[in-house]
Amino acid sequence: MSSEALRLAGELHSHVHGRTEWRVQDPVSKAYCISFDRASSLNPERDAREWLSSHVSNHPNSPKAKYEVAQVHCFTELEESALKAIVILSTQAASIASLESERDQLRAELERLREFFDADMAVAKIYDEVSPGLTSPKGAEWSDRIEAAIARRCAAVIAIEAAKEAK
């Protein structure tokens, strides 16, 4: 599941290229008044510089007279949406991978618990089979010893499992 999300993010990323344009822009705020790119011009940098030069010579007191020509790499709205989707997919893929890892750990723990309870049930079954023969006066003493041994075994197994969890 997480690999599918990463594959899709990679596929989206391969379609996002953006474009380079030359802008006549404010040097501080980066707000621009006109831009040129290769789709509309053979030499966008030259065209931007010519536009600014012409504007400054025709309007020397214009606020745009202090603008500069800058090369900017930009994306269409669709590409920007794709970039946002890539971030979301990548984040979700990491979350999915984490949940899959946790699921695998819980499955392993469940299997250990099943083994523990299967062993415990086997001891209880043996005890049930043996206990009817231990009802004689001597048998009661043996019965108490068996119950104590089972209790010690269960306590030891629980302690071992608790120590494993603590690691």
C-alpha atoms as a PDB file:
ATOM      1  CA  MET A   1       0.000   0.000   0.000  1.00  0.00           C
ATOM      2  CA  SER A   2       2.725   2.484   0.931  1.00  0.00           C
ATOM      3  CA  SER A   3       4.763   1.459  -2.108  1.00  0.00           C
ATOM      4  CA  GLU A   4       1.754   2.221  -4.318  1.00  0.00           C
ATOM      5  CA  ALA A   5       1.484   5.721  -2.818  1.00  0.00           C
ATOM      6  CA  LEU A   6       5.211   6.281  -3.368  1.00  0.00           C
ATOM      7  CA  ARG A   7       4.956   4.992  -6.943  1.00  0.00           C
ATOM      8  CA  LEU A   8       2.092   7.386  -7.636  1.00  0.00           C
ATOM      9  CA  ALA A   9       4.022  10.284  -6.044  1.00  0.00           C
ATOM     10  CA  GLY A  10       7.002   9.464  -8.260  1.00  0.00           C
ATOM     11  CA  GLU A  11       4.805   9.308 -11.339  1.00  0.00           C
ATOM     12  CA  LEU A  12       3.274  12.694 -10.523  1.00  0.00           C
ATOM     13  CA  HIS A  13       6.709  14.165  -9.890  1.00  0.00           C
ATOM     14  CA  SER A  14       7.922  13.029 -13.310  1.00  0.00           C
ATOM     15  CA  HIS A  15       5.202  15.183 -14.905  1.00  0.00           C
ATOM     16  CA  VAL A  16       6.023  18.356 -12.951  1.00  0.00           C
ATOM     17  CA  HIS A  17       8.675  20.367 -14.749  1.00  0.00           C
ATOM     18  CA  GLY A  18       7.656  23.986 -14.380  1.00  0.00           C
ATOM     19  CA  ARG A  19       9.000  26.632 -16.666  1.00  0.00           C
ATOM     20  CA  THR A  20      11.624  29.341 -16.514  1.00  0.00           C
ATOM     21  CA  GLU A  21      10.502  32.872 -17.116  1.00  0.00           C
ATOM     22  CA  TRP A  22      12.120  36.276 -16.930  1.00  0.00           C
ATOM     23  CA  ARG A  23      10.224  38.791 -14.870  1.00  0.00           C
ATOM     24  CA  VAL A  24      10.461  42.528 -14.430  1.00  0.00           C
ATOM     25  CA  GLN A  25       9.977  42.623 -10.684  1.00  0.00           C
ATOM     26  CA  ASP A  26      10.355  44.644  -7.527  1.00  0.00           C
ATOM     27  CA  PRO A  27      13.709  43.671  -5.971  1.00  0.00           C
ATOM     28  CA  VAL A  28      12.252  43.524  -2.453  1.00  0.00           C
ATOM     29  CA  SER A  29       8.688  42.244  -2.687  1.00  0.00           C
ATOM     30  CA  LYS A  30       9.282  40.203  -5.880  1.00  0.00           C
ATOM     31  CA  ALA A  31       5.957  41.492  -7.249  1.00  0.00           C
ATOM     32  CA  TYR A  32       6.245  41.632 -11.016  1.00  0.00           C
ATOM     33  CA  CYS A  33       4.539  43.591 -13.760  1.00  0.00           C
ATOM     34  CA  ILE A  34       5.442  41.536 -16.844  1.00  0.00           C
ATOM     35  CA  SER A  35       7.090  38.213 -17.629  1.00  0.00           C
ATOM     36  CA  PHE A  36       8.580  36.565 -20.690  1.00  0.00           C
ATOM     37  CA  ASP A  37       9.140  32.841 -21.309  1.00  0.00           C
ATOM     38  CA  ARG A  38      10.280  30.609 -24.155  1.00  0.00           C
ATOM     39  CA  ALA A  39       6.686  29.886 -25.170  1.00  0.00           C
ATOM     40  CA  SER A  40       6.187  33.541 -26.122  1.00  0.00           C
ATOM     41  CA  SER A  41       9.722  34.668 -26.939  1.00  0.00           C
ATOM     42  CA  LEU A  42      12.902  33.321 -28.513  1.00  0.00           C
ATOM     43  CA  ASN A  43      15.022  35.243 -26.019  1.00  0.00           C
ATOM     44  CA  PRO A  44      12.926  36.032 -22.936  1.00  0.00           C
ATOM     45  CA  GLU A  45      15.786  37.563 -20.939  1.00  0.00           C
ATOM     46  CA  ARG A  46      16.624  40.038 -23.715  1.00  0.00           C
ATOM     47  CA  ASP A  47      12.938  40.916 -24.151  1.00  0.00           C
ATOM     48  CA  ALA A  48      12.522  41.568 -20.401  1.00  0.00           C
ATOM     49  CA  ARG A  49      15.624  43.763 -20.298  1.00  0.00           C
ATOM     50  CA  GLU A  50      14.489  45.679 -23.395  1.00  0.00           C
ATOM     51  CA  TRP A  51      11.026  46.202 -21.899  1.00  0.00           C
ATOM     52  CA  LEU A  52      12.483  47.529 -18.632  1.00  0.00           C
ATOM     53  CA  SER A  53      14.968  49.762 -20.456  1.00  0.00           C
ATOM     54  CA  SER A  54      12.192  51.170 -22.640  1.00  0.00           C
ATOM     55  CA  HIS A  55       9.941  51.726 -19.611  1.00  0.00           C
ATOM     56  CA  VAL A  56      12.675  53.498 -17.633  1.00  0.00           C
ATOM     57  CA  SER A  57      13.523  55.771 -20.582  1.00  0.00           C
ATOM     58  CA  ASN A  58       9.825  56.607 -21.179  1.00  0.00           C
ATOM     59  CA  HIS A  59       8.815  56.838 -17.488  1.00  0.00           C
ATOM     60  CA  PRO A  60      11.926  57.710 -15.424  1.00  0.00           C
ATOM     61  CA  ASN A  61       9.880  58.595 -12.301  1.00  0.00           C
ATOM     62  CA  SER A  62       7.712  55.476 -12.398  1.00  0.00           C
ATOM     63  CA  PRO A  63       7.909  53.148  -9.387  1.00  0.00           C
ATOM     64  CA  LYS A  64       8.720  50.409 -11.907  1.00  0.00           C
ATOM     65  CA  ALA A  65      11.884  52.279 -12.884  1.00  0.00           C
ATOM     66  CA  LYS A  66      13.491  50.675  -9.830  1.00  0.00           C
ATOM     67  CA  TYR A  67      12.434  47.172 -10.873  1.00  0.00           C
ATOM     68  CA  GLU A  68      14.938  44.525 -11.932  1.00  0.00           C
ATOM     69  CA  VAL A  69      14.953  41.605 -14.360  1.00  0.00           C
ATOM     70  CA  ALA A  70      15.036  38.221 -12.634  1.00  0.00           C
ATOM     71  CA  GLN A  71      14.995  34.647 -13.789  1.00  0.00           C
ATOM     72  CA  VAL A  72      12.279  32.679 -11.971  1.00  0.00           C
ATOM     73  CA  HIS A  73      11.334  29.016 -12.160  1.00  0.00           C
ATOM     74  CA  CYS A  74       7.575  28.716 -11.723  1.00  0.00           C
ATOM     75  CA  PHE A  75       4.809  26.134 -11.949  1.00  0.00           C
ATOM     76  CA  THR A  76       1.310  26.120 -13.358  1.00  0.00           C
ATOM     77  CA  GLU A  77      -1.576  25.759 -10.916  1.00  0.00           C
ATOM     78  CA  LEU A  78      -1.933  22.126 -11.967  1.00  0.00           C
ATOM     79  CA  GLU A  79       1.756  21.487 -11.260  1.00  0.00           C
ATOM     80  CA  GLU A  80       1.503  23.221  -7.889  1.00  0.00           C
ATOM     81  CA  SER A  81      -1.469  21.003  -7.034  1.00  0.00           C
ATOM     82  CA  ALA A  82       0.546  17.962  -8.113  1.00  0.00           C
ATOM     83  CA  LEU A  83       3.435  19.049  -5.862  1.00  0.00           C
ATOM     84  CA  LYS A  84       1.042  19.372  -2.914  1.00  0.00           C
ATOM     85  CA  ALA A  85      -0.372  15.923  -3.712  1.00  0.00           C
ATOM     86  CA  ILE A  86       3.169  14.499  -3.810  1.00  0.00           C
ATOM     87  CA  VAL A  87       3.848  15.823  -0.308  1.00  0.00           C
ATOM     88  CA  ILE A  88       0.572  14.375   0.980  1.00  0.00           C
ATOM     89  CA  LEU A  89       1.168  11.000  -0.717  1.00  0.00           C
ATOM     90  CA  SER A  90       4.715  10.805   0.635  1.00  0.00           C
ATOM     91  CA  THR A  91       3.543  11.646   4.158  1.00  0.00           C
ATOM     92  CA  GLN A  92       0.717   9.127   3.950  1.00  0.00           C
ATOM     93  CA  ALA A  93       3.109   6.488   2.596  1.00  0.00           C
ATOM     94  CA  ALA A  94       5.349   7.002   5.629  1.00  0.00           C
ATOM     95  CA  SER A  95       2.320   6.701   7.935  1.00  0.00           C
ATOM     96  CA  ILE A  96       1.188   3.549   6.142  1.00  0.00           C
ATOM     97  CA  ALA A  97       4.675   2.032   6.423  1.00  0.00           C
ATOM     98  CA  SER A  98       4.715   2.814  10.145  1.00  0.00           C
ATOM     99  CA  LEU A  99       1.272   1.244  10.631  1.00  0.00           C
ATOM    100  CA  GLU A 100       2.306  -1.824   8.623  1.00  0.00           C
ATOM    101  CA  SER A 101       5.373  -2.219  10.823  1.00  0.00           C
ATOM    102  CA  GLU A 102       3.247  -1.869  13.965  1.00  0.00           C
ATOM    103  CA  ARG A 103       0.771  -4.402  12.559  1.00  0.00           C
ATOM    104  CA  ASP A 104       3.605  -6.884  11.960  1.00  0.00           C
ATOM    105  CA  GLN A 105       4.876  -6.385  15.508  1.00  0.00           C
ATOM    106  CA  LEU A 106       1.370  -6.945  16.904  1.00  0.00           C
ATOM    107  CA  ARG A 107       0.983 -10.099  14.804  1.00  0.00           C
ATOM    108  CA  ALA A 108       4.270 -11.433  16.200  1.00  0.00           C
ATOM    109  CA  GLU A 109       3.144 -10.593  19.753  1.00  0.00           C
ATOM    110  CA  LEU A 110      -0.204 -12.304  19.125  1.00  0.00           C
ATOM    111  CA  GLU A 111       1.628 -15.396  17.900  1.00  0.00           C
ATOM    112  CA  ARG A 112       3.788 -15.442  21.054  1.00  0.00           C
ATOM    113  CA  LEU A 113       0.638 -15.125  23.180  1.00  0.00           C
ATOM    114  CA  ARG A 114      -1.020 -17.959  21.252  1.00  0.00           C
ATOM    115  CA  GLU A 115       2.025 -20.166  21.848  1.00  0.00           C
ATOM    116  CA  PHE A 116       2.007 -19.251  25.540  1.00  0.00           C
ATOM    117  CA  PHE A 117      -1.696 -20.000  25.954  1.00  0.00           C
ATOM    118  CA  ASP A 118      -1.444 -23.193  23.907  1.00  0.00           C
ATOM    119  CA  ALA A 119       1.328 -24.394  26.259  1.00  0.00           C
ATOM    120  CA  ASP A 120      -0.693 -23.291  29.276  1.00  0.00           C
ATOM    121  CA  MET A 121      -3.769 -25.127  27.959  1.00  0.00           C
ATOM    122  CA  ALA A 122      -1.666 -28.257  27.405  1.00  0.00           C
ATOM    123  CA  VAL A 123      -0.494 -28.160  31.036  1.00  0.00           C
ATOM    124  CA  ALA A 124      -4.080 -27.628  32.214  1.00  0.00           C
ATOM    125  CA  LYS A 125      -5.254 -30.572  30.088  1.00  0.00           C
ATOM    126  CA  ILE A 126      -2.549 -32.828  31.535  1.00  0.00           C
ATOM    127  CA  TYR A 127      -3.509 -31.664  35.018  1.00  0.00           C
ATOM    128  CA  ASP A 128      -7.186 -32.444  34.330  1.00  0.00           C
ATOM    129  CA  GLU A 129      -6.232 -35.925  33.119  1.00  0.00           C
ATOM    130  CA  VAL A 130      -3.961 -36.612  36.093  1.00  0.00           C
ATOM    131  CA  SER A 131      -5.950 -34.930  38.876  1.00  0.00           C
ATOM    132  CA  PRO A 132      -8.708 -37.579  39.282  1.00  0.00           C
ATOM    133  CA  GLY A 133      -6.038 -40.111  40.271  1.00  0.00           C
ATOM    134  CA  LEU A 134      -4.683 -37.756  42.916  1.00  0.00           C
ATOM    135  CA  THR A 135      -7.694 -37.767  45.209  1.00  0.00           C
ATOM    136  CA  SER A 136      -6.306 -40.234  47.740  1.00  0.00           C
ATOM    137  CA  PRO A 137      -4.937 -38.805  50.973  1.00  0.00           C
ATOM    138  CA  LYS A 138      -1.481 -38.889  49.441  1.00  0.00           C
ATOM    139  CA  GLY A 139      -3.029 -37.595  46.213  1.00  0.00           C
ATOM    140  CA  ALA A 140      -4.214 -34.363  47.792  1.00  0.00           C
ATOM    141  CA  GLU A 141      -0.652 -33.539  48.717  1.00  0.00           C
ATOM    142  CA  TRP A 142       0.451 -34.323  45.151  1.00  0.00           C
ATOM    143  CA  SER A 143      -2.412 -32.263  43.799  1.00  0.00           C
ATOM    144  CA  ASP A 144      -1.239 -29.237  45.808  1.00  0.00           C
ATOM    145  CA  ARG A 145       2.309 -29.739  44.538  1.00  0.00           C
ATOM    146  CA  ILE A 146       1.126 -29.914  40.920  1.00  0.00           C
ATOM    147  CA  GLU A 147      -0.992 -26.777  41.323  1.00  0.00           C
ATOM    148  CA  ALA A 148       1.974 -24.968  42.877  1.00  0.00           C
ATOM    149  CA  ALA A 149       4.270 -26.119  40.064  1.00  0.00           C
ATOM    150  CA  ILE A 150       1.777 -24.921  37.436  1.00  0.00           C
ATOM    151  CA  ALA A 151       1.439 -21.574  39.203  1.00  0.00           C
ATOM    152  CA  ARG A 152       5.245 -21.195  39.344  1.00  0.00           C
ATOM    153  CA  ARG A 153       5.506 -22.071  35.629  1.00  0.00           C
ATOM    154  CA  CYS A 154       2.824 -19.551  34.688  1.00  0.00           C
ATOM    155  CA  ALA A 155       4.474 -16.863  36.828  1.00  0.00           C
ATOM    156  CA  ALA A 156       7.857 -17.576  35.202  1.00  0.00           C
ATOM    157  CA  VAL A 157       6.409 -17.417  31.687  1.00  0.00           C
ATOM    158  CA  ILE A 158       4.617 -14.155  32.500  1.00  0.00           C
ATOM    159  CA  ALA A 159       7.845 -12.711  33.943  1.00  0.00           C
ATOM    160  CA  ILE A 160       9.788 -13.731  30.829  1.00  0.00           C
ATOM    161  CA  GLU A 161       7.163 -12.139  28.565  1.00  0.00           C
ATOM    162  CA  ALA A 162       7.185  -8.964  30.684  1.00  0.00           C
ATOM    163  CA  ALA A 163      10.978  -8.789  30.405  1.00  0.00           C
ATOM    164  CA  LYS A 164      10.729  -9.162  26.601  1.00  0.00           C
ATOM    165  CA  GLU A 165       8.187  -6.327  26.465  1.00  0.00           C
ATOM    166  CA  ALA A 166      10.446  -4.103  28.588  1.00  0.00           C
ATOM    167  CA  LYS A 167      13.205  -4.439  25.989  1.00  0.00           C
END
